[in-house]
Amino acid sequence: MGKEEAAAGKSQPECINSSNPFHECSDYCLHQIAEARRRLAEDLPDSRPPEERTVHPDCINANNPYHGCSEYCFRNIADAKAAIERGEQEHPAGGSGKSDGTLEQADGDDDSSRQEDTGADDGYPQMTEKQKKLFELQLKMNEARKANQQAMVAEKKRMEPRGESRGVSKQKWLDDRKKKIGKLLDSNGLDMSKSYMLDTQDMAEAKYKKWEKEPAPHGWDVFNQKTLYDAYKKRTKNIEVDMESYNKAKETDPEFYRDASSLQYGKVSKVAEPNIDRMVNELKERDEKRKSFSRRRKFNEDKDIDSINDRNEHFNKKIERAFGKYTLEIKNNLERGTALPD
């Protein structure tokens, strides 16, 4: 332990090998330490404020502890004081109609020099023209960055999928609408049974038009003459009629509208090929439309199967809706085997 203490006592604390207890500093180590101190003194300036410095109390940099006023500062302070005094003297002189050209020229020179040096402005005091332009450019860059960020957030919200499903959103919309209508009714002193009084004229007309819509054919009405005629008009609505060809064919054939007593009854008249193609295309379009039509229906597995295909099942359902209540007893008797012969 005594040897280690002796070795540590001979080692300088600033040496890079001072942590080694067996190291002894030589002339080389002392030379390196002195060289490092000299380089450190050259690279790092003295950070302490100067002890002796001259600062005018009216200088704009008087609060800076490292600032020392030079001839430039004293000249600017003197020019500013002179300009203030000239301004106080020129104010009453302007009211009497007298002006001094020399003072105005000197005042203009002082103002231009102050504007170039300090850039005194209402919005940017103590800034030069270049500093003001740089500051305005920085403001524009910040505004552009903020607008870009807002646009990016808005686009991200549009691209993200909605958290709620369709059914939940619809139910929420209905609840909100009901609450809104309830508030309006309460404010007007009405109850929910008189909610129709909040409808506008356009809304009421749309409701009445929807209510006045003719219902779909039901039961045997599907096969009556009116329904078949309406279906015929619907099919022939998009057919273009050539009146010129029609009148020409009517003039050519004297029995164009023949009856049962005509000798040409049952004779097939000549039909143009374009008309035949048009009829074939209409039949194909109708068949494709019938195939593409589909509506989801509930399927009951416990129900008895009384059809041979989908078309027959659909027909049986229509018959059941129209005449099921009248044939219920007969059907039950047939299923039980208790039907009596006539």
Protein backbone atom coordinates (compact mmCIF):
# COMPACT_ATOMS: atom_id res chain seq x y z
CA MET A 1 0.00 0.00 0.00
CA GLY A 2 2.91 2.39 0.69
CA LYS A 3 4.29 1.82 -2.79
CA GLU A 4 0.91 2.64 -4.38
CA GLU A 5 0.57 5.87 -2.38
CA ALA A 6 4.07 6.93 -3.40
CA ALA A 7 3.31 6.22 -7.06
CA ALA A 8 0.03 8.15 -6.86
CA GLY A 9 1.81 11.11 -5.29
CA LYS A 10 4.24 11.37 -8.20
CA SER A 11 1.42 11.30 -10.81
CA GLN A 12 -0.17 14.57 -11.96
CA PRO A 13 -4.00 14.69 -11.73
CA GLU A 14 -4.25 16.12 -15.28
CA CYS A 15 -2.27 13.27 -16.79
CA ILE A 16 -4.22 10.79 -18.92
CA ASN A 17 -2.60 7.93 -16.96
CA SER A 18 -3.37 9.30 -13.50
CA SER A 19 -5.82 6.46 -12.84
CA ASN A 20 -2.92 3.99 -12.97
CA PRO A 21 -1.56 3.68 -9.40
CA PHE A 22 1.86 2.51 -10.69
CA HIS A 23 2.33 5.40 -13.16
CA GLU A 24 4.98 8.08 -12.54
CA CYS A 25 4.84 11.26 -14.62
CA SER A 26 8.00 12.06 -16.56
CA ASP A 27 9.10 15.13 -18.53
CA TYR A 28 7.05 13.90 -21.49
CA CYS A 29 3.85 13.91 -19.41
CA LEU A 30 4.54 17.40 -18.06
CA HIS A 31 5.21 18.65 -21.60
CA GLN A 32 1.92 17.16 -22.86
CA ILE A 33 -0.03 18.74 -19.98
CA ALA A 34 1.44 22.18 -20.68
CA GLU A 35 0.70 21.85 -24.42
CA ALA A 36 -2.91 20.88 -23.68
CA ARG A 37 -3.36 23.90 -21.41
CA ARG A 38 -2.00 26.23 -24.08
CA ARG A 39 -4.32 24.84 -26.80
CA LEU A 40 -7.31 25.06 -24.49
CA ALA A 41 -6.55 28.71 -23.75
CA GLU A 42 -6.28 29.50 -27.48
CA ASP A 43 -9.42 27.63 -28.57
CA LEU A 44 -11.78 28.82 -25.81
CA PRO A 45 -12.10 32.60 -25.41
CA ASP A 46 -12.53 34.10 -22.03
CA SER A 47 -16.21 33.67 -21.12
CA ARG A 48 -16.07 36.07 -18.22
CA PRO A 49 -17.45 39.56 -18.82
CA PRO A 50 -14.79 42.24 -19.10
CA GLU A 51 -14.12 44.06 -15.88
CA GLU A 52 -13.59 47.47 -17.50
CA ARG A 53 -16.14 48.44 -20.17
CA THR A 54 -17.96 51.60 -21.21
CA VAL A 55 -21.72 51.32 -21.73
CA HIS A 56 -24.03 54.29 -22.31
CA PRO A 57 -27.38 53.93 -20.47
CA ASP A 58 -29.30 54.98 -23.64
CA CYS A 59 -27.68 52.27 -25.79
CA ILE A 60 -30.02 49.58 -27.09
CA ASN A 61 -27.48 46.91 -26.00
CA ALA A 62 -26.99 48.25 -22.47
CA ASN A 63 -28.51 45.07 -20.96
CA ASN A 64 -25.82 42.89 -22.56
CA PRO A 65 -23.07 42.31 -19.95
CA TYR A 66 -20.52 41.60 -22.71
CA HIS A 67 -21.24 44.74 -24.74
CA GLY A 68 -18.97 47.74 -24.74
CA CYS A 69 -20.11 50.91 -26.49
CA SER A 70 -17.97 52.09 -29.38
CA GLU A 71 -17.97 55.28 -31.45
CA TYR A 72 -20.79 53.84 -33.58
CA CYS A 73 -23.05 53.53 -30.52
CA PHE A 74 -22.31 57.06 -29.31
CA ARG A 75 -22.95 58.48 -32.80
CA ASN A 76 -26.32 56.74 -33.06
CA ILE A 77 -27.32 57.96 -29.59
CA ALA A 78 -26.39 61.55 -30.49
CA ASP A 79 -28.27 61.36 -33.81
CA ALA A 80 -31.35 60.03 -32.07
CA LYS A 81 -31.34 62.81 -29.48
CA ALA A 82 -30.82 65.45 -32.19
CA ALA A 83 -33.69 64.04 -34.24
CA ILE A 84 -35.99 64.17 -31.19
CA GLU A 85 -35.06 67.79 -30.51
CA ARG A 86 -35.55 68.75 -34.18
CA GLY A 87 -38.95 67.07 -34.20
CA GLU A 88 -40.07 69.11 -31.18
CA GLN A 89 -38.85 72.32 -32.82
CA GLU A 90 -40.38 71.60 -36.25
CA HIS A 91 -43.86 70.90 -34.89
CA PRO A 92 -44.68 74.53 -33.98
CA ALA A 93 -42.73 75.81 -36.98
CA GLY A 94 -44.94 73.80 -39.32
CA GLY A 95 -48.04 75.49 -37.85
CA SER A 96 -46.68 78.97 -38.70
CA GLY A 97 -45.95 77.95 -42.30
CA LYS A 98 -42.14 78.19 -42.07
CA SER A 99 -39.75 75.32 -42.82
CA ASP A 100 -36.01 74.93 -42.84
CA GLY A 101 -34.67 73.01 -45.87
CA THR A 102 -31.40 72.20 -44.22
CA LEU A 103 -33.08 70.68 -41.18
CA GLU A 104 -35.47 68.66 -43.34
CA GLN A 105 -32.59 67.29 -45.41
CA ALA A 106 -30.61 66.41 -42.29
CA ASP A 107 -33.68 64.84 -40.73
CA GLY A 108 -34.27 62.78 -43.88
CA ASP A 109 -30.66 61.62 -43.89
CA ASP A 110 -30.89 60.64 -40.24
CA ASP A 111 -34.14 58.74 -40.82
CA SER A 112 -32.72 56.85 -43.79
CA SER A 113 -29.55 55.98 -41.89
CA ARG A 114 -31.56 54.76 -38.90
CA GLN A 115 -33.83 52.71 -41.16
CA GLU A 116 -30.86 51.10 -42.86
CA ASP A 117 -28.93 50.51 -39.64
CA THR A 118 -31.61 49.52 -37.17
CA GLY A 119 -34.62 48.90 -39.45
CA ALA A 120 -36.96 50.72 -37.07
CA ASP A 121 -40.53 49.78 -37.97
CA ASP A 122 -43.83 49.59 -36.19
CA GLY A 123 -44.02 45.80 -36.50
CA TYR A 124 -40.32 44.85 -36.36
CA PRO A 125 -38.28 47.23 -34.20
CA GLN A 126 -34.48 47.04 -34.19
CA MET A 127 -34.35 44.97 -37.43
CA THR A 128 -32.65 45.65 -40.71
CA GLU A 129 -34.39 45.20 -44.05
CA LYS A 130 -32.78 41.80 -44.61
CA GLN A 131 -33.73 40.64 -41.13
CA LYS A 132 -37.34 41.72 -41.69
CA LYS A 133 -37.51 39.84 -45.00
CA LEU A 134 -36.01 36.75 -43.39
CA PHE A 135 -38.49 36.98 -40.51
CA GLU A 136 -41.45 37.28 -42.92
CA LEU A 137 -40.21 34.27 -44.90
CA GLN A 138 -40.00 32.25 -41.69
CA LEU A 139 -43.59 33.21 -40.82
CA LYS A 140 -44.79 32.10 -44.25
CA MET A 141 -42.91 28.80 -43.91
CA ASN A 142 -44.55 28.20 -40.52
CA GLU A 143 -48.01 28.90 -41.96
CA ALA A 144 -47.38 26.56 -44.89
CA ARG A 145 -46.12 23.84 -42.53
CA LYS A 146 -49.20 24.20 -40.32
CA ALA A 147 -51.58 24.08 -43.31
CA ASN A 148 -49.79 21.01 -44.67
CA GLN A 149 -50.09 19.26 -41.30
CA GLN A 150 -53.82 20.02 -41.07
CA ALA A 151 -54.41 18.76 -44.62
CA MET A 152 -52.50 15.56 -43.84
CA VAL A 153 -54.58 14.92 -40.70
CA ALA A 154 -57.82 15.54 -42.59
CA GLU A 155 -56.79 13.17 -45.39
CA LYS A 156 -55.86 10.49 -42.85
CA LYS A 157 -59.30 10.78 -41.24
CA ARG A 158 -60.97 10.41 -44.63
CA MET A 159 -58.91 7.33 -45.50
CA GLU A 160 -59.48 5.55 -42.18
CA PRO A 161 -62.49 3.18 -42.08
CA ARG A 162 -65.34 3.96 -39.77
CA GLY A 163 -65.29 2.24 -36.43
CA GLU A 164 -69.03 1.56 -36.31
CA SER A 165 -70.87 -0.91 -38.47
CA ARG A 166 -73.73 0.05 -40.74
CA GLY A 167 -76.46 -1.14 -38.40
CA VAL A 168 -75.03 0.64 -35.37
CA SER A 169 -74.58 3.86 -37.35
CA LYS A 170 -78.17 3.72 -38.57
CA GLN A 171 -79.50 3.11 -35.07
CA LYS A 172 -77.38 5.96 -33.74
CA TRP A 173 -78.70 8.23 -36.48
CA LEU A 174 -82.28 7.31 -35.59
CA ASP A 175 -81.67 7.96 -31.89
CA ASP A 176 -80.09 11.34 -32.58
CA ARG A 177 -82.95 12.29 -34.90
CA LYS A 178 -85.51 11.26 -32.30
CA LYS A 179 -83.76 13.35 -29.64
CA LYS A 180 -83.60 16.34 -31.97
CA ILE A 181 -87.30 16.07 -32.82
CA GLY A 182 -88.11 15.68 -29.12
CA LYS A 183 -86.26 18.90 -28.28
CA LEU A 184 -88.08 20.79 -31.03
CA LEU A 185 -91.44 19.47 -29.84
CA ASP A 186 -90.68 20.42 -26.24
CA SER A 187 -89.64 23.92 -27.26
CA ASN A 188 -92.93 24.36 -29.17
CA GLY A 189 -95.08 22.76 -26.47
CA LEU A 190 -96.10 19.70 -28.55
CA ASP A 191 -96.03 15.97 -27.92
CA MET A 192 -94.66 13.17 -30.09
CA SER A 193 -98.07 12.46 -31.66
CA LYS A 194 -97.96 15.88 -33.37
CA SER A 195 -94.48 15.57 -34.85
CA TYR A 196 -95.98 16.03 -38.33
CA MET A 197 -96.39 19.73 -37.54
CA LEU A 198 -92.60 20.12 -37.86
CA ASP A 199 -92.61 18.95 -41.50
CA THR A 200 -92.15 21.52 -44.23
CA GLN A 201 -94.28 21.67 -47.37
CA ASP A 202 -91.71 19.78 -49.46
CA MET A 203 -91.37 17.05 -46.84
CA ALA A 204 -95.15 16.66 -46.57
CA GLU A 205 -95.58 16.46 -50.37
CA ALA A 206 -92.87 13.79 -50.57
CA LYS A 207 -94.63 11.75 -47.86
CA TYR A 208 -98.04 12.03 -49.50
CA LYS A 209 -96.62 11.09 -52.88
CA LYS A 210 -95.07 8.01 -51.36
CA TRP A 211 -98.32 7.05 -49.64
CA GLU A 212 -100.37 7.55 -52.81
CA LYS A 213 -98.18 5.13 -54.75
CA GLU A 214 -100.21 2.25 -56.13
CA PRO A 215 -99.60 -1.00 -54.25
CA ALA A 216 -98.19 -4.05 -55.97
CA PRO A 217 -100.69 -6.58 -57.36
CA HIS A 218 -101.85 -9.09 -54.77
CA GLY A 219 -103.36 -12.52 -55.18
CA TRP A 220 -105.30 -13.09 -58.40
CA ASP A 221 -104.86 -9.42 -59.35
CA VAL A 222 -101.52 -10.48 -60.81
CA PHE A 223 -103.35 -12.16 -63.70
CA ASN A 224 -106.23 -9.74 -64.38
CA GLN A 225 -106.52 -7.66 -67.54
CA LYS A 226 -105.43 -4.36 -65.98
CA THR A 227 -102.20 -5.80 -64.60
CA LEU A 228 -101.39 -7.51 -67.88
CA TYR A 229 -102.09 -4.29 -69.79
CA ASP A 230 -99.82 -2.31 -67.45
CA ALA A 231 -97.07 -4.86 -68.00
CA TYR A 232 -97.57 -4.56 -71.77
CA LYS A 233 -97.27 -0.76 -71.62
CA LYS A 234 -94.13 -1.08 -69.55
CA ARG A 235 -92.55 -3.41 -72.11
CA THR A 236 -93.51 -1.24 -75.11
CA LYS A 237 -92.50 2.05 -73.49
CA ASN A 238 -89.02 2.06 -75.02
CA ILE A 239 -90.05 0.83 -78.50
CA GLU A 240 -89.67 3.39 -81.28
CA VAL A 241 -92.64 3.52 -83.66
CA ASP A 242 -91.97 4.25 -87.34
CA MET A 243 -95.19 5.88 -88.53
CA GLU A 244 -94.00 6.07 -92.13
CA SER A 245 -93.52 2.30 -92.37
CA TYR A 246 -96.81 1.75 -90.57
CA ASN A 247 -98.81 3.92 -92.99
CA LYS A 248 -97.07 2.33 -95.98
CA ALA A 249 -97.96 -1.20 -94.81
CA LYS A 250 -101.53 -0.10 -94.11
CA GLU A 251 -101.93 1.26 -97.65
CA THR A 252 -100.39 -1.83 -99.24
CA ASP A 253 -102.62 -4.37 -97.46
CA PRO A 254 -106.36 -3.58 -97.78
CA GLU A 255 -107.15 -5.98 -94.94
CA PHE A 256 -104.51 -4.70 -92.57
CA TYR A 257 -107.03 -4.96 -89.71
CA ARG A 258 -108.67 -8.26 -90.68
CA ASP A 259 -111.40 -9.96 -88.68
CA ALA A 260 -112.60 -13.56 -88.33
CA SER A 261 -114.68 -13.42 -91.53
CA SER A 262 -111.72 -12.41 -93.67
CA LEU A 263 -110.41 -14.86 -96.26
CA GLN A 264 -106.87 -13.97 -95.22
CA TYR A 265 -107.47 -14.85 -91.57
CA GLY A 266 -104.45 -16.69 -90.17
CA LYS A 267 -102.14 -15.52 -92.92
CA VAL A 268 -98.82 -14.26 -91.63
CA SER A 269 -97.93 -10.82 -92.91
CA LYS A 270 -94.39 -10.03 -93.95
CA VAL A 271 -92.36 -8.48 -91.12
CA ALA A 272 -89.09 -6.63 -91.69
CA GLU A 273 -85.92 -8.20 -90.37
CA PRO A 274 -84.98 -5.20 -88.14
CA ASN A 275 -88.33 -5.50 -86.34
CA ILE A 276 -87.75 -9.19 -85.69
CA ASP A 277 -84.26 -8.49 -84.35
CA ARG A 278 -85.67 -5.78 -82.10
CA MET A 279 -88.24 -8.21 -80.67
CA VAL A 280 -85.58 -10.87 -80.06
CA ASN A 281 -83.33 -8.36 -78.28
CA GLU A 282 -86.23 -7.24 -76.08
CA LEU A 283 -86.97 -10.84 -75.07
CA LYS A 284 -83.32 -11.47 -74.26
CA GLU A 285 -83.08 -8.32 -72.14
CA ARG A 286 -86.24 -9.28 -70.26
CA ASP A 287 -84.89 -12.76 -69.59
CA GLU A 288 -81.56 -11.37 -68.32
CA LYS A 289 -83.36 -8.88 -66.11
CA ARG A 290 -85.50 -11.66 -64.62
CA LYS A 291 -82.38 -13.74 -63.91
CA SER A 292 -80.49 -10.84 -62.32
CA PHE A 293 -83.39 -9.96 -60.00
CA SER A 294 -82.85 -11.45 -56.58
CA ARG A 295 -84.20 -10.67 -53.15
CA ARG A 296 -83.07 -12.29 -49.93
CA ARG A 297 -85.87 -14.32 -48.36
CA LYS A 298 -85.99 -16.22 -45.11
CA PHE A 299 -85.78 -19.98 -45.42
CA ASN A 300 -87.75 -22.11 -42.97
CA GLU A 301 -86.24 -25.58 -42.64
CA ASP A 302 -89.26 -26.98 -40.73
CA LYS A 303 -91.73 -26.07 -43.47
CA ASP A 304 -93.04 -28.88 -45.68
CA ILE A 305 -91.75 -28.91 -49.23
CA ASP A 306 -94.67 -28.65 -51.66
CA SER A 307 -92.89 -27.45 -54.81
CA ILE A 308 -90.74 -28.94 -57.54
CA ASN A 309 -88.56 -25.89 -58.32
CA ASP A 310 -88.04 -22.26 -57.31
CA ARG A 311 -90.58 -20.90 -59.75
CA ASN A 312 -93.25 -23.31 -58.52
CA GLU A 313 -92.38 -22.45 -54.90
CA HIS A 314 -92.88 -18.76 -55.60
CA PHE A 315 -96.25 -19.46 -57.25
CA ASN A 316 -97.38 -21.61 -54.31
CA LYS A 317 -96.52 -18.80 -51.90
CA LYS A 318 -98.69 -16.36 -53.82
CA ILE A 319 -101.57 -18.84 -53.88
CA GLU A 320 -101.16 -19.41 -50.15
CA ARG A 321 -101.27 -15.69 -49.40
CA ALA A 322 -104.45 -15.25 -51.43
CA PHE A 323 -106.45 -18.39 -50.59
CA GLY A 324 -104.66 -20.04 -47.68
CA LYS A 325 -107.25 -19.09 -45.07
CA TYR A 326 -110.08 -20.52 -47.20
CA THR A 327 -108.41 -23.87 -47.93
CA LEU A 328 -106.88 -24.45 -44.51
CA GLU A 329 -109.58 -26.89 -43.35
CA ILE A 330 -109.50 -28.90 -46.58
CA LYS A 331 -105.71 -29.15 -46.44
CA ASN A 332 -105.78 -30.35 -42.83
CA ASN A 333 -108.41 -32.98 -43.63
CA LEU A 334 -106.33 -34.29 -46.51
CA GLU A 335 -103.21 -34.49 -44.36
CA ARG A 336 -105.08 -36.31 -41.54
CA GLY A 337 -106.92 -38.59 -43.95
CA THR A 338 -110.33 -37.53 -42.65
CA ALA A 339 -111.60 -35.89 -45.82
CA LEU A 340 -115.11 -37.05 -46.73
CA PRO A 341 -116.05 -37.83 -50.34
CA ASP A 342 -118.78 -35.81 -52.01
